Amino acid sequence: MAIVSCLVGVGLMILVFGLSPTSQNDSSTEVKTPPAKEIPKKAKPAWNLALGNVVVIAPELGLDIKGLKGSKIEFSRVTAKVETQLFPIRELYRAESEKNPTIMGGLLLQLTVGPSGEVAQAKELGSRISGDEFRKAVIAEAAKWEFQDIVPEGATINCPLLFVREGMDITTLITWEKTLGLAEDQAALNRAGNRFAQESNSTAKGSAAEKRAKQATAASAFRPKAPRYWPDS
């Protein structure tokens, strides 16, 4: 029995010492798999959604500033000044949109600046917003704006406002307005104004030419005629 026990013990020792190096070698030769690279996700287009019924200035729809010759006007300062004065119109729009949920779109205003930077005159150049009373109220609020030290006296500002319903994409609405031609309305007005100015200049030139012709005719009528001498018969 003692011999058998010794033999079993020796066999177990051989088994233990024979397996240990192999397991160590296996662990040492184990190849670590590098972590998989993360595939970058494509950036989704950012939606410019209105979080409420808002009014914004939309330069893409025909913002234009015409000042005196030689005067420098910074568009960024004008748009920033308009932005600070939009609160009453936004409140007006929120109240009106509760009555009429379909009211939205663009409104192109023309503002004439007075001597102290105040708005001397405000009028509508183009609009696709229904509701005459609402548009008149917006124009009345815009007439309270001022641009002191930003825009010189006599300058005109064509200011496009965009009325956006909650949840709508502002960029899409601007594209829609451009497609319908709110900006084209302004271009047509500019072309009509240029045509009128050219016609006025042509008329003035024609009138001056006619006046000179009439004066020449009158002068020739009163010019003394040379005496006629008949030969002696």
C-alpha atoms as a PDB file:
ATOM      1  CA  MET A   1       0.000   0.000   0.000  1.00  0.00           C
ATOM      2  CA  ALA A   2       2.853   2.337   0.818  1.00  0.00           C
ATOM      3  CA  ILE A   3       4.427   1.709  -2.549  1.00  0.00           C
ATOM      4  CA  VAL A   4       1.135   2.281  -4.329  1.00  0.00           C
ATOM      5  CA  SER A   5       0.622   5.522  -2.439  1.00  0.00           C
ATOM      6  CA  CYS A   6       4.097   6.711  -3.399  1.00  0.00           C
ATOM      7  CA  LEU A   7       3.510   5.873  -7.017  1.00  0.00           C
ATOM      8  CA  VAL A   8       0.178   7.759  -7.048  1.00  0.00           C
ATOM      9  CA  GLY A   9       1.822  10.763  -5.397  1.00  0.00           C
ATOM     10  CA  VAL A  10       4.670  10.787  -7.918  1.00  0.00           C
ATOM     11  CA  GLY A  11       2.171  10.527 -10.762  1.00  0.00           C
ATOM     12  CA  LEU A  12       0.162  13.456  -9.467  1.00  0.00           C
ATOM     13  CA  MET A  13       3.326  15.585  -9.121  1.00  0.00           C
ATOM     14  CA  ILE A  14       4.370  14.751 -12.676  1.00  0.00           C
ATOM     15  CA  LEU A  15       0.899  15.608 -13.909  1.00  0.00           C
ATOM     16  CA  VAL A  16       0.830  18.947 -12.077  1.00  0.00           C
ATOM     17  CA  PHE A  17       4.313  20.048 -13.123  1.00  0.00           C
ATOM     18  CA  GLY A  18       3.728  18.862 -16.677  1.00  0.00           C
ATOM     19  CA  LEU A  19       0.570  20.899 -17.153  1.00  0.00           C
ATOM     20  CA  SER A  20       1.686  24.159 -15.528  1.00  0.00           C
ATOM     21  CA  PRO A  21       4.296  25.240 -18.136  1.00  0.00           C
ATOM     22  CA  THR A  22       1.931  24.462 -20.943  1.00  0.00           C
ATOM     23  CA  SER A  23      -0.779  26.603 -19.438  1.00  0.00           C
ATOM     24  CA  GLN A  24       1.742  29.396 -18.886  1.00  0.00           C
ATOM     25  CA  ASN A  25       2.978  29.110 -22.461  1.00  0.00           C
ATOM     26  CA  ASP A  26      -0.570  29.157 -23.719  1.00  0.00           C
ATOM     27  CA  SER A  27      -1.294  32.305 -21.742  1.00  0.00           C
ATOM     28  CA  SER A  28       1.963  33.912 -22.867  1.00  0.00           C
ATOM     29  CA  THR A  29       1.394  33.103 -26.518  1.00  0.00           C
ATOM     30  CA  GLU A  30      -2.201  34.318 -26.446  1.00  0.00           C
ATOM     31  CA  VAL A  31      -2.650  37.004 -29.105  1.00  0.00           C
ATOM     32  CA  LYS A  32      -4.663  39.950 -27.969  1.00  0.00           C
ATOM     33  CA  THR A  33      -7.198  41.141 -30.496  1.00  0.00           C
ATOM     34  CA  PRO A  34      -7.020  44.941 -30.966  1.00  0.00           C
ATOM     35  CA  PRO A  35     -10.237  46.760 -30.191  1.00  0.00           C
ATOM     36  CA  ALA A  36     -12.426  47.358 -33.189  1.00  0.00           C
ATOM     37  CA  LYS A  37     -12.299  50.885 -34.516  1.00  0.00           C
ATOM     38  CA  GLU A  38     -15.484  52.835 -34.080  1.00  0.00           C
ATOM     39  CA  ILE A  39     -17.030  53.785 -37.371  1.00  0.00           C
ATOM     40  CA  PRO A  40     -17.796  57.507 -37.253  1.00  0.00           C
ATOM     41  CA  LYS A  41     -21.453  58.220 -37.624  1.00  0.00           C
ATOM     42  CA  LYS A  42     -22.522  60.565 -40.342  1.00  0.00           C
ATOM     43  CA  ALA A  43     -23.672  63.890 -39.013  1.00  0.00           C
ATOM     44  CA  LYS A  44     -27.359  64.360 -39.452  1.00  0.00           C
ATOM     45  CA  PRO A  45     -28.527  67.648 -40.932  1.00  0.00           C
ATOM     46  CA  ALA A  46     -29.408  70.142 -38.227  1.00  0.00           C
ATOM     47  CA  TRP A  47     -33.016  71.233 -38.333  1.00  0.00           C
ATOM     48  CA  ASN A  48     -33.563  74.904 -37.733  1.00  0.00           C
ATOM     49  CA  LEU A  49     -36.905  74.413 -36.069  1.00  0.00           C
ATOM     50  CA  ALA A  50     -38.832  77.236 -34.444  1.00  0.00           C
ATOM     51  CA  LEU A  51     -39.423  76.490 -30.771  1.00  0.00           C
ATOM     52  CA  GLY A  52     -42.379  78.828 -30.724  1.00  0.00           C
ATOM     53  CA  ASN A  53     -44.270  81.256 -32.912  1.00  0.00           C
ATOM     54  CA  VAL A  54     -41.427  83.636 -33.721  1.00  0.00           C
ATOM     55  CA  VAL A  55     -40.583  86.604 -35.939  1.00  0.00           C
ATOM     56  CA  VAL A  56     -37.071  86.829 -37.390  1.00  0.00           C
ATOM     57  CA  ILE A  57     -35.316  89.079 -39.863  1.00  0.00           C
ATOM     58  CA  ALA A  58     -34.502  87.145 -43.057  1.00  0.00           C
ATOM     59  CA  PRO A  59     -31.744  88.887 -45.075  1.00  0.00           C
ATOM     60  CA  GLU A  60     -32.089  86.237 -47.818  1.00  0.00           C
ATOM     61  CA  LEU A  61     -35.507  87.639 -48.717  1.00  0.00           C
ATOM     62  CA  GLY A  62     -34.290  91.038 -49.880  1.00  0.00           C
ATOM     63  CA  LEU A  63     -32.522  92.995 -47.167  1.00  0.00           C
ATOM     64  CA  ASP A  64     -31.284  96.193 -48.792  1.00  0.00           C
ATOM     65  CA  ILE A  65     -30.046  99.529 -47.470  1.00  0.00           C
ATOM     66  CA  LYS A  66     -29.757 102.605 -49.645  1.00  0.00           C
ATOM     67  CA  GLY A  67     -28.023 105.580 -48.101  1.00  0.00           C
ATOM     68  CA  LEU A  68     -26.486 108.803 -49.254  1.00  0.00           C
ATOM     69  CA  LYS A  69     -23.495 108.706 -51.553  1.00  0.00           C
ATOM     70  CA  GLY A  70     -20.287 108.176 -49.645  1.00  0.00           C
ATOM     71  CA  SER A  71     -22.005 106.949 -46.466  1.00  0.00           C
ATOM     72  CA  LYS A  72     -20.883 103.585 -45.119  1.00  0.00           C
ATOM     73  CA  ILE A  73     -23.636 101.421 -43.644  1.00  0.00           C
ATOM     74  CA  GLU A  74     -22.877  98.100 -41.967  1.00  0.00           C
ATOM     75  CA  PHE A  75     -25.564  95.494 -42.618  1.00  0.00           C
ATOM     76  CA  SER A  76     -24.616  93.556 -39.484  1.00  0.00           C
ATOM     77  CA  ARG A  77     -25.279  96.574 -37.256  1.00  0.00           C
ATOM     78  CA  VAL A  78     -28.622  97.214 -38.918  1.00  0.00           C
ATOM     79  CA  THR A  79     -29.800  93.616 -38.540  1.00  0.00           C
ATOM     80  CA  ALA A  80     -28.623  93.545 -34.925  1.00  0.00           C
ATOM     81  CA  LYS A  81     -30.544  96.758 -34.219  1.00  0.00           C
ATOM     82  CA  VAL A  82     -33.692  95.353 -35.822  1.00  0.00           C
ATOM     83  CA  GLU A  83     -33.322  92.213 -33.722  1.00  0.00           C
ATOM     84  CA  THR A  84     -33.333  94.233 -30.489  1.00  0.00           C
ATOM     85  CA  GLN A  85     -36.589  95.954 -31.500  1.00  0.00           C
ATOM     86  CA  LEU A  86     -38.589  92.916 -32.621  1.00  0.00           C
ATOM     87  CA  PHE A  87     -40.100  92.009 -29.241  1.00  0.00           C
ATOM     88  CA  PRO A  88     -43.387  93.982 -29.633  1.00  0.00           C
ATOM     89  CA  ILE A  89     -43.962  92.483 -33.092  1.00  0.00           C
ATOM     90  CA  ARG A  90     -43.265  88.992 -31.737  1.00  0.00           C
ATOM     91  CA  GLU A  91     -45.816  89.518 -28.993  1.00  0.00           C
ATOM     92  CA  LEU A  92     -48.273  90.805 -31.578  1.00  0.00           C
ATOM     93  CA  TYR A  93     -47.702  87.718 -33.736  1.00  0.00           C
ATOM     94  CA  ARG A  94     -48.173  85.302 -30.840  1.00  0.00           C
ATOM     95  CA  ALA A  95     -51.472  86.911 -29.956  1.00  0.00           C
ATOM     96  CA  GLU A  96     -52.640  86.975 -33.588  1.00  0.00           C
ATOM     97  CA  SER A  97     -51.569  83.378 -34.292  1.00  0.00           C
ATOM     98  CA  GLU A  98     -53.833  82.164 -31.482  1.00  0.00           C
ATOM     99  CA  LYS A  99     -56.765  83.574 -33.421  1.00  0.00           C
ATOM    100  CA  ASN A 100     -55.471  82.512 -36.836  1.00  0.00           C
ATOM    101  CA  PRO A 101     -53.208  79.413 -36.664  1.00  0.00           C
ATOM    102  CA  THR A 102     -52.475  79.552 -40.412  1.00  0.00           C
ATOM    103  CA  ILE A 103     -50.858  82.984 -40.384  1.00  0.00           C
ATOM    104  CA  MET A 104     -47.189  82.758 -41.425  1.00  0.00           C
ATOM    105  CA  GLY A 105     -44.805  83.854 -44.181  1.00  0.00           C
ATOM    106  CA  GLY A 106     -42.795  86.888 -45.173  1.00  0.00           C
ATOM    107  CA  LEU A 107     -43.431  90.615 -45.007  1.00  0.00           C
ATOM    108  CA  LEU A 108     -41.117  93.091 -46.763  1.00  0.00           C
ATOM    109  CA  LEU A 109     -41.053  96.537 -45.148  1.00  0.00           C
ATOM    110  CA  GLN A 110     -39.444  99.740 -46.372  1.00  0.00           C
ATOM    111  CA  LEU A 111     -38.278 102.134 -43.657  1.00  0.00           C
ATOM    112  CA  THR A 112     -37.166 105.715 -44.323  1.00  0.00           C
ATOM    113  CA  VAL A 113     -34.834 107.104 -41.654  1.00  0.00           C
ATOM    114  CA  GLY A 114     -35.376 110.595 -40.286  1.00  0.00           C
ATOM    115  CA  PRO A 115     -32.859 113.211 -39.057  1.00  0.00           C
ATOM    116  CA  SER A 116     -32.468 111.774 -35.548  1.00  0.00           C
ATOM    117  CA  GLY A 117     -32.303 108.137 -36.658  1.00  0.00           C
ATOM    118  CA  GLU A 118     -36.013 107.572 -36.106  1.00  0.00           C
ATOM    119  CA  VAL A 119     -38.200 105.924 -38.722  1.00  0.00           C
ATOM    120  CA  ALA A 120     -39.900 108.781 -40.544  1.00  0.00           C
ATOM    121  CA  GLN A 121     -41.963 106.508 -42.791  1.00  0.00           C
ATOM    122  CA  ALA A 122     -42.779 102.796 -42.838  1.00  0.00           C
ATOM    123  CA  LYS A 123     -44.647 101.019 -45.596  1.00  0.00           C
ATOM    124  CA  GLU A 124     -45.223  97.563 -47.024  1.00  0.00           C
ATOM    125  CA  LEU A 125     -43.465  96.556 -50.237  1.00  0.00           C
ATOM    126  CA  GLY A 126     -44.645  92.961 -50.442  1.00  0.00           C
ATOM    127  CA  SER A 127     -46.332  90.296 -48.346  1.00  0.00           C
ATOM    128  CA  ARG A 128     -47.885  86.852 -48.508  1.00  0.00           C
ATOM    129  CA  ILE A 129     -49.526  87.148 -45.080  1.00  0.00           C
ATOM    130  CA  SER A 130     -53.285  87.322 -44.911  1.00  0.00           C
ATOM    131  CA  GLY A 131     -54.914  89.852 -42.628  1.00  0.00           C
ATOM    132  CA  ASP A 132     -54.811  93.547 -43.476  1.00  0.00           C
ATOM    133  CA  GLU A 133     -55.264  94.669 -39.867  1.00  0.00           C
ATOM    134  CA  PHE A 134     -52.395  92.480 -38.678  1.00  0.00           C
ATOM    135  CA  ARG A 135     -50.051  93.843 -41.345  1.00  0.00           C
ATOM    136  CA  LYS A 136     -51.035  97.415 -40.470  1.00  0.00           C
ATOM    137  CA  ALA A 137     -50.292  96.716 -36.812  1.00  0.00           C
ATOM    138  CA  VAL A 138     -46.851  95.343 -37.731  1.00  0.00           C
ATOM    139  CA  ILE A 139     -46.086  98.417 -39.847  1.00  0.00           C
ATOM    140  CA  ALA A 140     -47.179 100.675 -36.970  1.00  0.00           C
ATOM    141  CA  GLU A 141     -44.756  98.910 -34.624  1.00  0.00           C
ATOM    142  CA  ALA A 142     -41.906  99.113 -37.153  1.00  0.00           C
ATOM    143  CA  ALA A 143     -42.550 102.855 -37.452  1.00  0.00           C
ATOM    144  CA  LYS A 144     -41.431 103.154 -33.793  1.00  0.00           C
ATOM    145  CA  TRP A 145     -37.945 101.802 -34.515  1.00  0.00           C
ATOM    146  CA  GLU A 146     -34.836 103.953 -34.517  1.00  0.00           C
ATOM    147  CA  PHE A 147     -31.357 103.628 -36.033  1.00  0.00           C
ATOM    148  CA  GLN A 148     -29.456 106.465 -34.416  1.00  0.00           C
ATOM    149  CA  ASP A 149     -25.731 106.511 -35.271  1.00  0.00           C
ATOM    150  CA  ILE A 150     -26.230 103.485 -37.549  1.00  0.00           C
ATOM    151  CA  VAL A 151     -28.105 104.739 -40.619  1.00  0.00           C
ATOM    152  CA  PRO A 152     -27.897 108.347 -41.910  1.00  0.00           C
ATOM    153  CA  GLU A 153     -30.862 110.598 -42.492  1.00  0.00           C
ATOM    154  CA  GLY A 154     -32.718 109.946 -45.723  1.00  0.00           C
ATOM    155  CA  ALA A 155     -31.550 106.345 -46.062  1.00  0.00           C
ATOM    156  CA  THR A 156     -34.082 103.618 -46.802  1.00  0.00           C
ATOM    157  CA  ILE A 157     -34.024 100.119 -45.335  1.00  0.00           C
ATOM    158  CA  ASN A 158     -35.835  97.270 -47.063  1.00  0.00           C
ATOM    159  CA  CYS A 159     -36.380  94.940 -44.128  1.00  0.00           C
ATOM    160  CA  PRO A 160     -37.788  91.413 -44.724  1.00  0.00           C
ATOM    161  CA  LEU A 161     -39.473  89.843 -41.698  1.00  0.00           C
ATOM    162  CA  LEU A 162     -40.390  86.160 -41.497  1.00  0.00           C
ATOM    163  CA  PHE A 163     -43.299  84.975 -39.357  1.00  0.00           C
ATOM    164  CA  VAL A 164     -42.708  81.334 -38.397  1.00  0.00           C
ATOM    165  CA  ARG A 165     -45.111  78.912 -36.739  1.00  0.00           C
ATOM    166  CA  GLU A 166     -43.883  76.650 -33.936  1.00  0.00           C
ATOM    167  CA  GLY A 167     -42.272  73.452 -35.210  1.00  0.00           C
ATOM    168  CA  MET A 168     -41.632  74.767 -38.717  1.00  0.00           C
ATOM    169  CA  ASP A 169     -38.185  74.712 -40.277  1.00  0.00           C
ATOM    170  CA  ILE A 170     -37.082  78.311 -40.774  1.00  0.00           C
ATOM    171  CA  THR A 171     -34.736  77.471 -43.648  1.00  0.00           C
ATOM    172  CA  THR A 172     -37.512  75.635 -45.494  1.00  0.00           C
ATOM    173  CA  LEU A 173     -39.879  78.561 -45.037  1.00  0.00           C
ATOM    174  CA  ILE A 174     -37.263  80.973 -46.411  1.00  0.00           C
ATOM    175  CA  THR A 175     -36.804  78.729 -49.451  1.00  0.00           C
ATOM    176  CA  TRP A 176     -40.568  78.595 -49.905  1.00  0.00           C
ATOM    177  CA  GLU A 177     -40.833  82.394 -49.784  1.00  0.00           C
ATOM    178  CA  LYS A 178     -37.986  82.783 -52.279  1.00  0.00           C
ATOM    179  CA  THR A 179     -39.670  80.306 -54.596  1.00  0.00           C
ATOM    180  CA  LEU A 180     -42.934  82.224 -54.424  1.00  0.00           C
ATOM    181  CA  GLY A 181     -40.992  85.373 -55.136  1.00  0.00           C
ATOM    182  CA  LEU A 182     -41.093  87.695 -52.133  1.00  0.00           C
ATOM    183  CA  ALA A 183     -37.560  88.765 -52.984  1.00  0.00           C
ATOM    184  CA  GLU A 184     -38.592  89.047 -56.633  1.00  0.00           C
ATOM    185  CA  ASP A 185     -41.276  91.535 -55.610  1.00  0.00           C
ATOM    186  CA  GLN A 186     -38.522  93.807 -54.348  1.00  0.00           C
ATOM    187  CA  ALA A 187     -36.475  93.296 -57.515  1.00  0.00           C
ATOM    188  CA  ALA A 188     -39.512  94.194 -59.619  1.00  0.00           C
ATOM    189  CA  LEU A 189     -40.033  97.352 -57.578  1.00  0.00           C
ATOM    190  CA  ASN A 190     -36.392  98.300 -58.062  1.00  0.00           C
ATOM    191  CA  ARG A 191     -36.645  97.717 -61.806  1.00  0.00           C
ATOM    192  CA  ALA A 192     -39.824  99.780 -61.970  1.00  0.00           C
ATOM    193  CA  GLY A 193     -38.144 102.582 -60.028  1.00  0.00           C
ATOM    194  CA  ASN A 194     -35.112 102.554 -62.325  1.00  0.00           C
ATOM    195  CA  ARG A 195     -37.349 102.550 -65.405  1.00  0.00           C
ATOM    196  CA  PHE A 196     -39.333 105.489 -64.047  1.00  0.00           C
ATOM    197  CA  ALA A 197     -36.122 107.407 -63.352  1.00  0.00           C
ATOM    198  CA  GLN A 198     -34.851 106.738 -66.884  1.00  0.00           C
ATOM    199  CA  GLU A 199     -38.156 107.802 -68.395  1.00  0.00           C
ATOM    200  CA  SER A 200     -38.144 110.953 -66.282  1.00  0.00           C
ATOM    201  CA  ASN A 201     -34.626 111.792 -67.458  1.00  0.00           C
ATOM    202  CA  SER A 202     -35.610 111.166 -71.079  1.00  0.00           C
ATOM    203  CA  THR A 203     -38.697 113.328 -70.682  1.00  0.00           C
ATOM    204  CA  ALA A 204     -36.646 116.082 -69.088  1.00  0.00           C
ATOM    205  CA  LYS A 205     -34.093 115.951 -71.893  1.00  0.00           C
ATOM    206  CA  GLY A 206     -36.872 115.974 -74.505  1.00  0.00           C
ATOM    207  CA  SER A 207     -38.559 118.922 -72.838  1.00  0.00           C
ATOM    208  CA  ALA A 208     -35.283 120.851 -72.793  1.00  0.00           C
ATOM    209  CA  ALA A 209     -34.713 120.117 -76.495  1.00  0.00           C
ATOM    210  CA  GLU A 210     -38.266 121.217 -77.350  1.00  0.00           C
ATOM    211  CA  LYS A 211     -37.800 124.376 -75.324  1.00  0.00           C
ATOM    212  CA  ARG A 212     -34.591 125.235 -77.175  1.00  0.00           C
ATOM    213  CA  ALA A 213     -36.277 124.552 -80.523  1.00  0.00           C
ATOM    214  CA  LYS A 214     -39.211 126.819 -79.650  1.00  0.00           C
ATOM    215  CA  GLN A 215     -36.841 129.550 -78.505  1.00  0.00           C
ATOM    216  CA  ALA A 216     -34.909 129.289 -81.786  1.00  0.00           C
ATOM    217  CA  THR A 217     -38.164 129.486 -83.769  1.00  0.00           C
ATOM    218  CA  ALA A 218     -39.328 132.513 -81.840  1.00  0.00           C
ATOM    219  CA  ALA A 219     -35.989 134.236 -82.277  1.00  0.00           C
ATOM    220  CA  SER A 220     -36.044 133.663 -86.038  1.00  0.00           C
ATOM    221  CA  ALA A 221     -39.575 135.038 -86.267  1.00  0.00           C
ATOM    222  CA  PHE A 222     -38.523 138.364 -84.703  1.00  0.00           C
ATOM    223  CA  ARG A 223     -35.201 138.605 -86.547  1.00  0.00           C
ATOM    224  CA  PRO A 224     -35.261 141.637 -88.941  1.00  0.00           C
ATOM    225  CA  LYS A 225     -35.287 140.594 -92.564  1.00  0.00           C
ATOM    226  CA  ALA A 226     -32.732 141.934 -94.989  1.00  0.00           C
ATOM    227  CA  PRO A 227     -34.195 144.477 -97.501  1.00  0.00           C
ATOM    228  CA  ARG A 228     -34.878 143.204-100.985  1.00  0.00           C
ATOM    229  CA  TYR A 229     -33.568 145.240-103.881  1.00  0.00           C
ATOM    230  CA  TRP A 230     -35.226 144.979-107.249  1.00  0.00           C
ATOM    231  CA  PRO A 231     -33.146 145.728-110.331  1.00  0.00           C
ATOM    232  CA  ASP A 232     -34.071 148.806-112.283  1.00  0.00           C
ATOM    233  CA  SER A 233     -36.290 148.008-115.155  1.00  0.00           C
END
